[in-house]
Amino acid sequence: MLAERLADAGIRYPSHTIAAAERTGLPLAVLCAVLEQETGGGRNVFGHDAVKPPQQSGGTVTRARYERYLTLRPTHGAQGVGPMQLTWPGYQDRADDLGGCWRPRVNILVGAEILAQASRSLGTYRALAAYNGSTAYADQVTARLPKWRRIVRGAP
């Protein structure tokens, strides 16, 4: 079963990941590679972006911690949030409109939407570079793709 293969390979929310890929048209292997790159397979954590203290940095994203973060975001800066490390406030707000950026299902869906839309207009590599702001990031994620394509196909 696909969800079991993804879980065995380290994807923390395989059913949410599969559903997001299907809903957005983003290749599942790309989504898995991004989750692995961003949060080790989809851990629901805050990033370590350079923001002013006492802004959230690292640790599990909970609703309470996320709501505290939102009160500080305007003056302390934006931080990566959740499995897809949504950093731009507009993306976090989009996730909140869909049920909460702190929720892995919503966070993964919004990240997949962003990447799918960018991939349609820019191609996958340039979409990955735009997602994180660097070609080095796109190179890192692209290097993970053969592994994830094998896992998705169920090949050894």
N, C-alpha and C. Protein backbone atom coordinates (compact mmCIF):
# COMPACT_ATOMS: atom_id res chain seq x y z
N MET A 1 0.84 -1.18 0.00
CA MET A 1 0.00 0.00 0.00
C MET A 1 0.89 1.25 0.00
N LEU A 2 0.49 2.24 -0.77
CA LEU A 2 1.29 3.45 -0.95
C LEU A 2 1.52 4.20 0.36
N ALA A 3 0.46 4.40 1.14
CA ALA A 3 0.61 5.14 2.41
C ALA A 3 1.61 4.44 3.33
N GLU A 4 1.60 3.13 3.35
CA GLU A 4 2.55 2.39 4.18
C GLU A 4 3.98 2.56 3.68
N ARG A 5 4.17 2.54 2.36
CA ARG A 5 5.51 2.74 1.81
C ARG A 5 6.03 4.13 2.17
N LEU A 6 5.17 5.14 2.06
CA LEU A 6 5.59 6.50 2.41
C LEU A 6 5.94 6.59 3.89
N ALA A 7 5.11 6.00 4.73
CA ALA A 7 5.38 6.02 6.18
C ALA A 7 6.69 5.30 6.49
N ASP A 8 6.90 4.16 5.87
CA ASP A 8 8.14 3.40 6.10
C ASP A 8 9.36 4.19 5.66
N ALA A 9 9.18 5.07 4.67
CA ALA A 9 10.29 5.88 4.16
C ALA A 9 10.45 7.20 4.92
N GLY A 10 9.58 7.44 5.91
CA GLY A 10 9.76 8.61 6.76
C GLY A 10 8.77 9.74 6.60
N ILE A 11 7.75 9.56 5.78
CA ILE A 11 6.72 10.60 5.64
C ILE A 11 5.77 10.47 6.82
N ARG A 12 5.63 11.53 7.60
CA ARG A 12 4.87 11.47 8.85
C ARG A 12 3.36 11.48 8.65
N TYR A 13 2.89 12.11 7.60
CA TYR A 13 1.44 12.21 7.35
C TYR A 13 1.17 11.71 5.93
N PRO A 14 1.33 10.41 5.70
CA PRO A 14 1.23 9.90 4.34
C PRO A 14 -0.14 10.12 3.69
N SER A 15 -1.21 9.93 4.42
CA SER A 15 -2.53 10.10 3.79
C SER A 15 -2.77 11.56 3.42
N HIS A 16 -2.35 12.49 4.26
CA HIS A 16 -2.48 13.92 3.92
C HIS A 16 -1.60 14.27 2.72
N THR A 17 -0.43 13.66 2.65
CA THR A 17 0.50 13.93 1.56
C THR A 17 -0.06 13.42 0.24
N ILE A 18 -0.57 12.22 0.23
CA ILE A 18 -1.17 11.65 -0.97
C ILE A 18 -2.36 12.50 -1.41
N ALA A 19 -3.23 12.85 -0.47
CA ALA A 19 -4.42 13.65 -0.81
C ALA A 19 -4.04 15.01 -1.38
N ALA A 20 -3.02 15.65 -0.82
CA ALA A 20 -2.59 16.97 -1.30
C ALA A 20 -2.04 16.86 -2.72
N ALA A 21 -1.25 15.83 -2.98
CA ALA A 21 -0.70 15.64 -4.32
C ALA A 21 -1.82 15.40 -5.33
N GLU A 22 -2.77 14.56 -4.97
CA GLU A 22 -3.90 14.28 -5.87
C GLU A 22 -4.73 15.53 -6.12
N ARG A 23 -5.00 16.29 -5.08
CA ARG A 23 -5.86 17.48 -5.21
C ARG A 23 -5.21 18.58 -6.05
N THR A 24 -3.89 18.72 -5.94
CA THR A 24 -3.21 19.83 -6.61
C THR A 24 -2.57 19.44 -7.94
N GLY A 25 -2.37 18.16 -8.16
CA GLY A 25 -1.68 17.71 -9.37
C GLY A 25 -0.17 17.75 -9.24
N LEU A 26 0.35 18.08 -8.08
CA LEU A 26 1.79 18.05 -7.87
C LEU A 26 2.24 16.59 -7.79
N PRO A 27 3.28 16.22 -8.51
CA PRO A 27 3.74 14.83 -8.40
C PRO A 27 4.06 14.47 -6.94
N LEU A 28 3.58 13.32 -6.53
CA LEU A 28 3.77 12.88 -5.14
C LEU A 28 5.24 12.80 -4.78
N ALA A 29 6.08 12.37 -5.69
CA ALA A 29 7.52 12.28 -5.40
C ALA A 29 8.10 13.65 -5.09
N VAL A 30 7.65 14.67 -5.79
CA VAL A 30 8.13 16.04 -5.52
C VAL A 30 7.70 16.47 -4.13
N LEU A 31 6.44 16.24 -3.79
CA LEU A 31 5.95 16.64 -2.47
C LEU A 31 6.71 15.91 -1.37
N CYS A 32 6.96 14.63 -1.54
CA CYS A 32 7.71 13.87 -0.53
C CYS A 32 9.14 14.38 -0.39
N ALA A 33 9.76 14.70 -1.52
CA ALA A 33 11.14 15.21 -1.48
C ALA A 33 11.19 16.55 -0.74
N VAL A 34 10.20 17.41 -0.95
CA VAL A 34 10.16 18.70 -0.24
C VAL A 34 9.93 18.47 1.25
N LEU A 35 9.01 17.60 1.60
CA LEU A 35 8.78 17.31 3.02
C LEU A 35 10.03 16.77 3.69
N GLU A 36 10.74 15.90 3.00
CA GLU A 36 11.98 15.37 3.56
C GLU A 36 13.01 16.48 3.74
N GLN A 37 13.13 17.34 2.75
CA GLN A 37 14.10 18.43 2.80
C GLN A 37 13.75 19.44 3.90
N GLU A 38 12.48 19.81 3.96
CA GLU A 38 12.07 20.87 4.89
C GLU A 38 12.05 20.43 6.34
N THR A 39 11.48 19.28 6.62
CA THR A 39 11.25 18.90 8.02
C THR A 39 11.47 17.41 8.28
N GLY A 40 12.40 16.82 7.55
CA GLY A 40 12.71 15.42 7.80
C GLY A 40 11.54 14.48 7.57
N GLY A 41 10.65 14.82 6.65
CA GLY A 41 9.53 13.95 6.32
C GLY A 41 8.18 14.49 6.75
N GLY A 42 8.16 15.69 7.28
CA GLY A 42 6.87 16.30 7.61
C GLY A 42 6.65 16.54 9.09
N ARG A 43 7.73 16.73 9.84
CA ARG A 43 7.53 17.07 11.25
C ARG A 43 6.80 18.41 11.34
N ASN A 44 5.89 18.53 12.27
CA ASN A 44 5.10 19.75 12.43
C ASN A 44 5.84 20.67 13.42
N VAL A 45 6.81 21.42 12.87
CA VAL A 45 7.70 22.23 13.69
C VAL A 45 7.82 23.64 13.14
N PHE A 46 8.28 24.55 14.01
CA PHE A 46 8.66 25.89 13.58
C PHE A 46 10.07 25.81 12.99
N GLY A 47 10.36 26.72 12.07
CA GLY A 47 11.69 26.80 11.48
C GLY A 47 12.66 27.52 12.40
N HIS A 48 13.83 27.80 11.86
CA HIS A 48 14.87 28.50 12.60
C HIS A 48 15.29 29.74 11.86
N ASP A 49 14.31 30.44 11.28
CA ASP A 49 14.62 31.66 10.54
C ASP A 49 15.06 32.75 11.50
N ALA A 50 15.79 33.70 10.97
CA ALA A 50 16.33 34.79 11.80
C ALA A 50 15.22 35.79 12.12
N VAL A 51 14.58 35.59 13.26
CA VAL A 51 13.53 36.49 13.73
C VAL A 51 13.92 36.99 15.12
N LYS A 52 13.31 38.09 15.51
CA LYS A 52 13.63 38.67 16.82
C LYS A 52 13.05 37.82 17.96
N PRO A 53 13.80 37.65 19.02
CA PRO A 53 13.22 37.01 20.22
C PRO A 53 12.08 37.89 20.73
N PRO A 54 11.06 37.36 21.33
CA PRO A 54 10.84 35.96 21.72
C PRO A 54 10.04 35.17 20.70
N GLN A 55 10.21 35.44 19.42
CA GLN A 55 9.48 34.73 18.37
C GLN A 55 9.76 33.24 18.43
N GLN A 56 8.78 32.44 18.02
CA GLN A 56 8.94 30.99 18.02
C GLN A 56 10.09 30.61 17.10
N SER A 57 10.95 29.74 17.56
CA SER A 57 12.02 29.20 16.73
C SER A 57 12.22 27.76 17.16
N GLY A 58 11.96 26.87 16.25
CA GLY A 58 12.06 25.46 16.57
C GLY A 58 10.91 24.99 17.45
N GLY A 59 10.84 23.73 17.66
CA GLY A 59 9.81 23.14 18.51
C GLY A 59 8.52 22.86 17.75
N THR A 60 7.68 22.09 18.37
CA THR A 60 6.43 21.65 17.78
C THR A 60 5.46 22.81 17.59
N VAL A 61 4.79 22.79 16.45
CA VAL A 61 3.74 23.77 16.18
C VAL A 61 2.44 23.26 16.79
N THR A 62 1.91 24.00 17.72
CA THR A 62 0.59 23.72 18.28
C THR A 62 -0.28 24.93 17.98
N ARG A 63 -1.54 24.79 18.16
CA ARG A 63 -2.43 25.93 17.93
C ARG A 63 -2.05 27.10 18.84
N ALA A 64 -1.82 26.83 20.11
CA ALA A 64 -1.48 27.89 21.06
C ALA A 64 -0.16 28.58 20.69
N ARG A 65 0.85 27.81 20.35
CA ARG A 65 2.14 28.40 19.97
C ARG A 65 2.00 29.19 18.67
N TYR A 66 1.22 28.67 17.73
CA TYR A 66 1.03 29.37 16.47
C TYR A 66 0.28 30.68 16.69
N GLU A 67 -0.75 30.67 17.51
CA GLU A 67 -1.49 31.91 17.78
C GLU A 67 -0.60 32.95 18.46
N ARG A 68 0.28 32.52 19.34
CA ARG A 68 1.25 33.45 19.94
C ARG A 68 2.18 34.00 18.87
N TYR A 69 2.66 33.12 18.02
CA TYR A 69 3.52 33.54 16.90
C TYR A 69 2.82 34.62 16.06
N LEU A 70 1.55 34.43 15.76
CA LEU A 70 0.83 35.40 14.92
C LEU A 70 0.79 36.78 15.56
N THR A 71 0.72 36.85 16.90
CA THR A 71 0.70 38.16 17.56
C THR A 71 2.04 38.86 17.42
N LEU A 72 3.12 38.10 17.27
CA LEU A 72 4.47 38.66 17.17
C LEU A 72 4.94 38.84 15.73
N ARG A 73 4.30 38.16 14.79
CA ARG A 73 4.76 38.19 13.40
C ARG A 73 4.92 39.59 12.83
N PRO A 74 4.00 40.53 13.08
CA PRO A 74 4.15 41.86 12.48
C PRO A 74 5.39 42.62 12.95
N THR A 75 5.82 42.39 14.16
CA THR A 75 6.95 43.16 14.69
C THR A 75 8.24 42.34 14.80
N HIS A 76 8.13 41.02 14.79
CA HIS A 76 9.31 40.17 15.00
C HIS A 76 9.72 39.39 13.76
N GLY A 77 8.88 39.34 12.75
CA GLY A 77 9.22 38.66 11.51
C GLY A 77 8.54 37.33 11.34
N ALA A 78 8.52 36.88 10.10
CA ALA A 78 7.87 35.61 9.75
C ALA A 78 8.84 34.46 9.94
N GLN A 79 8.28 33.34 10.32
CA GLN A 79 9.02 32.12 10.63
C GLN A 79 8.43 30.98 9.83
N GLY A 80 9.23 30.02 9.42
CA GLY A 80 8.69 28.82 8.78
C GLY A 80 7.80 28.07 9.75
N VAL A 81 6.66 27.59 9.23
CA VAL A 81 5.67 26.91 10.07
C VAL A 81 5.29 25.58 9.45
N GLY A 82 5.31 24.54 10.25
CA GLY A 82 4.74 23.26 9.88
C GLY A 82 5.56 22.41 8.94
N PRO A 83 4.95 21.30 8.51
CA PRO A 83 5.65 20.34 7.67
C PRO A 83 6.25 20.94 6.40
N MET A 84 5.57 21.89 5.78
CA MET A 84 6.05 22.51 4.54
C MET A 84 6.81 23.80 4.79
N GLN A 85 7.00 24.18 6.06
CA GLN A 85 7.73 25.39 6.43
C GLN A 85 7.21 26.61 5.66
N LEU A 86 5.89 26.81 5.74
CA LEU A 86 5.28 27.98 5.12
C LEU A 86 5.81 29.21 5.85
N THR A 87 6.48 30.09 5.14
CA THR A 87 7.13 31.24 5.76
C THR A 87 6.48 32.56 5.39
N TRP A 88 6.08 32.72 4.15
CA TRP A 88 5.48 33.98 3.74
C TRP A 88 4.12 34.15 4.42
N PRO A 89 3.88 35.30 5.07
CA PRO A 89 2.61 35.50 5.78
C PRO A 89 1.37 35.23 4.93
N GLY A 90 1.41 35.55 3.65
CA GLY A 90 0.26 35.28 2.79
C GLY A 90 -0.06 33.80 2.69
N TYR A 91 0.97 32.96 2.67
CA TYR A 91 0.74 31.51 2.63
C TYR A 91 0.22 31.00 3.97
N GLN A 92 0.75 31.54 5.05
CA GLN A 92 0.24 31.17 6.38
C GLN A 92 -1.23 31.58 6.51
N ASP A 93 -1.55 32.76 6.02
CA ASP A 93 -2.94 33.23 6.08
C ASP A 93 -3.85 32.34 5.24
N ARG A 94 -3.37 31.91 4.07
CA ARG A 94 -4.15 31.00 3.22
C ARG A 94 -4.43 29.71 3.99
N ALA A 95 -3.42 29.19 4.65
CA ALA A 95 -3.62 27.97 5.44
C ALA A 95 -4.61 28.22 6.58
N ASP A 96 -4.52 29.38 7.20
CA ASP A 96 -5.46 29.69 8.27
C ASP A 96 -6.90 29.75 7.73
N ASP A 97 -7.06 30.29 6.54
CA ASP A 97 -8.39 30.35 5.92
C ASP A 97 -8.96 28.97 5.65
N LEU A 98 -8.07 28.00 5.45
CA LEU A 98 -8.51 26.62 5.17
C LEU A 98 -8.63 25.75 6.42
N GLY A 99 -8.35 26.33 7.59
CA GLY A 99 -8.52 25.56 8.82
C GLY A 99 -7.38 25.65 9.80
N GLY A 100 -6.27 26.27 9.43
CA GLY A 100 -5.19 26.48 10.40
C GLY A 100 -3.84 26.01 9.90
N CYS A 101 -2.90 26.94 9.87
CA CYS A 101 -1.54 26.64 9.42
C CYS A 101 -0.87 25.63 10.34
N TRP A 102 -1.29 25.54 11.57
CA TRP A 102 -0.70 24.61 12.54
C TRP A 102 -1.13 23.17 12.28
N ARG A 103 -2.14 22.97 11.45
CA ARG A 103 -2.64 21.62 11.16
C ARG A 103 -1.86 21.02 9.99
N PRO A 104 -1.23 19.88 10.19
CA PRO A 104 -0.42 19.29 9.12
C PRO A 104 -1.17 19.10 7.80
N ARG A 105 -2.42 18.65 7.86
CA ARG A 105 -3.18 18.42 6.62
C ARG A 105 -3.29 19.70 5.81
N VAL A 106 -3.62 20.79 6.46
CA VAL A 106 -3.79 22.08 5.79
C VAL A 106 -2.43 22.62 5.33
N ASN A 107 -1.44 22.54 6.17
CA ASN A 107 -0.11 23.04 5.87
C ASN A 107 0.46 22.33 4.62
N ILE A 108 0.32 21.02 4.57
CA ILE A 108 0.82 20.26 3.43
C ILE A 108 0.05 20.62 2.16
N LEU A 109 -1.26 20.78 2.28
CA LEU A 109 -2.08 21.14 1.12
C LEU A 109 -1.67 22.50 0.56
N VAL A 110 -1.49 23.49 1.41
CA VAL A 110 -1.11 24.82 0.93
C VAL A 110 0.27 24.79 0.29
N GLY A 111 1.21 24.11 0.91
CA GLY A 111 2.53 23.99 0.29
C GLY A 111 2.46 23.32 -1.07
N ALA A 112 1.64 22.27 -1.18
CA ALA A 112 1.46 21.59 -2.47
C ALA A 112 0.81 22.51 -3.49
N GLU A 113 -0.16 23.31 -3.07
CA GLU A 113 -0.79 24.28 -3.98
C GLU A 113 0.24 25.26 -4.54
N ILE A 114 1.06 25.78 -3.66
CA ILE A 114 2.09 26.75 -4.05
C ILE A 114 3.02 26.13 -5.09
N LEU A 115 3.52 24.94 -4.78
CA LEU A 115 4.46 24.28 -5.68
C LEU A 115 3.82 23.85 -6.99
N ALA A 116 2.58 23.37 -6.93
CA ALA A 116 1.90 22.94 -8.15
C ALA A 116 1.67 24.12 -9.09
N GLN A 117 1.21 25.21 -8.54
CA GLN A 117 0.96 26.40 -9.37
C GLN A 117 2.26 26.91 -9.97
N ALA A 118 3.30 27.01 -9.17
CA ALA A 118 4.59 27.48 -9.68
C ALA A 118 5.17 26.51 -10.70
N SER A 119 4.99 25.22 -10.49
CA SER A 119 5.52 24.23 -11.43
C SER A 119 4.85 24.34 -12.80
N ARG A 120 3.55 24.64 -12.80
CA ARG A 120 2.84 24.79 -14.08
C ARG A 120 3.38 25.96 -14.89
N SER A 121 3.77 27.03 -14.20
CA SER A 121 4.25 28.20 -14.94
C SER A 121 5.77 28.25 -15.11
N LEU A 122 6.51 27.68 -14.17
CA LEU A 122 7.97 27.78 -14.20
C LEU A 122 8.70 26.48 -14.50
N GLY A 123 8.02 25.37 -14.34
CA GLY A 123 8.69 24.07 -14.36
C GLY A 123 9.09 23.70 -12.94
N THR A 124 9.31 22.42 -12.71
CA THR A 124 9.55 21.95 -11.34
C THR A 124 10.81 22.54 -10.73
N TYR A 125 11.91 22.52 -11.45
CA TYR A 125 13.17 23.01 -10.87
C TYR A 125 13.06 24.47 -10.44
N ARG A 126 12.57 25.31 -11.32
CA ARG A 126 12.45 26.74 -10.99
C ARG A 126 11.41 26.97 -9.90
N ALA A 127 10.36 26.14 -9.85
CA ALA A 127 9.38 26.25 -8.78
C ALA A 127 10.02 25.93 -7.44
N LEU A 128 10.86 24.90 -7.41
CA LEU A 128 11.56 24.56 -6.17
C LEU A 128 12.49 25.68 -5.74
N ALA A 129 13.20 26.26 -6.68
CA ALA A 129 14.10 27.38 -6.37
C ALA A 129 13.31 28.56 -5.83
N ALA A 130 12.15 28.83 -6.41
CA ALA A 130 11.32 29.94 -5.95
C ALA A 130 10.74 29.65 -4.56
N TYR A 131 10.43 28.40 -4.28
CA TYR A 131 9.82 28.03 -3.00
C TYR A 131 10.72 28.40 -1.83
N ASN A 132 12.02 28.17 -2.00
CA ASN A 132 12.96 28.45 -0.92
C ASN A 132 13.86 29.64 -1.19
N GLY A 133 13.88 30.09 -2.43
CA GLY A 133 14.68 31.26 -2.76
C GLY A 133 16.08 30.98 -3.24
N SER A 134 16.38 29.70 -3.57
CA SER A 134 17.74 29.43 -4.03
C SER A 134 17.79 28.21 -4.95
N THR A 135 18.72 28.26 -5.87
CA THR A 135 18.94 27.08 -6.72
C THR A 135 19.61 25.97 -5.93
N ALA A 136 20.36 26.31 -4.89
CA ALA A 136 20.96 25.27 -4.04
C ALA A 136 19.86 24.39 -3.43
N TYR A 137 18.77 25.01 -3.00
CA TYR A 137 17.63 24.27 -2.46
C TYR A 137 17.04 23.37 -3.54
N ALA A 138 16.82 23.93 -4.72
CA ALA A 138 16.27 23.14 -5.83
C ALA A 138 17.17 21.95 -6.13
N ASP A 139 18.48 22.15 -6.09
CA ASP A 139 19.43 21.06 -6.32
C ASP A 139 19.28 19.97 -5.25
N GLN A 140 19.13 20.38 -4.00
CA GLN A 140 19.00 19.42 -2.90
C GLN A 140 17.72 18.60 -3.04
N VAL A 141 16.62 19.27 -3.34
CA VAL A 141 15.35 18.55 -3.47
C VAL A 141 15.38 17.65 -4.71
N THR A 142 15.90 18.17 -5.81
CA THR A 142 15.98 17.39 -7.05
C THR A 142 16.82 16.13 -6.84
N ALA A 143 17.86 16.21 -6.05
CA ALA A 143 18.69 15.04 -5.77
C ALA A 143 17.91 13.96 -5.02
N ARG A 144 16.87 14.34 -4.31
CA ARG A 144 16.04 13.38 -3.56
C ARG A 144 14.98 12.71 -4.45
N LEU A 145 14.71 13.27 -5.61
CA LEU A 145 13.60 12.79 -6.43
C LEU A 145 13.73 11.33 -6.89
N PRO A 146 14.88 10.85 -7.35
CA PRO A 146 14.94 9.44 -7.77
C PRO A 146 14.51 8.47 -6.67
N LYS A 147 14.94 8.73 -5.47
CA LYS A 147 14.55 7.88 -4.32
C LYS A 147 13.04 7.88 -4.16
N TRP A 148 12.43 9.07 -4.18
CA TRP A 148 10.99 9.16 -3.95
C TRP A 148 10.18 8.61 -5.13
N ARG A 149 10.70 8.74 -6.32
CA ARG A 149 10.00 8.14 -7.47
C ARG A 149 9.98 6.61 -7.34
N ARG A 150 11.09 6.04 -6.89
CA ARG A 150 11.13 4.58 -6.67
C ARG A 150 10.13 4.17 -5.60
N ILE A 151 10.08 4.91 -4.51
CA ILE A 151 9.17 4.57 -3.41
C ILE A 151 7.72 4.69 -3.86
N VAL A 152 7.40 5.77 -4.55
CA VAL A 152 6.02 5.97 -5.02
C VAL A 152 5.61 4.85 -5.98
N ARG A 153 6.52 4.46 -6.86
CA ARG A 153 6.22 3.38 -7.84
C ARG A 153 6.18 2.01 -7.16
N GLY A 154 6.80 1.89 -5.99
CA GLY A 154 6.88 0.61 -5.31
C GLY A 154 8.02 -0.25 -5.80
N ALA A 155 8.98 0.41 -6.46
CA ALA A 155 10.15 -0.31 -6.98
C ALA A 155 11.19 -0.46 -5.87
N PRO A 156 11.99 -1.53 -5.92
CA PRO A 156 13.03 -1.74 -4.91
C PRO A 156 14.15 -0.73 -5.01
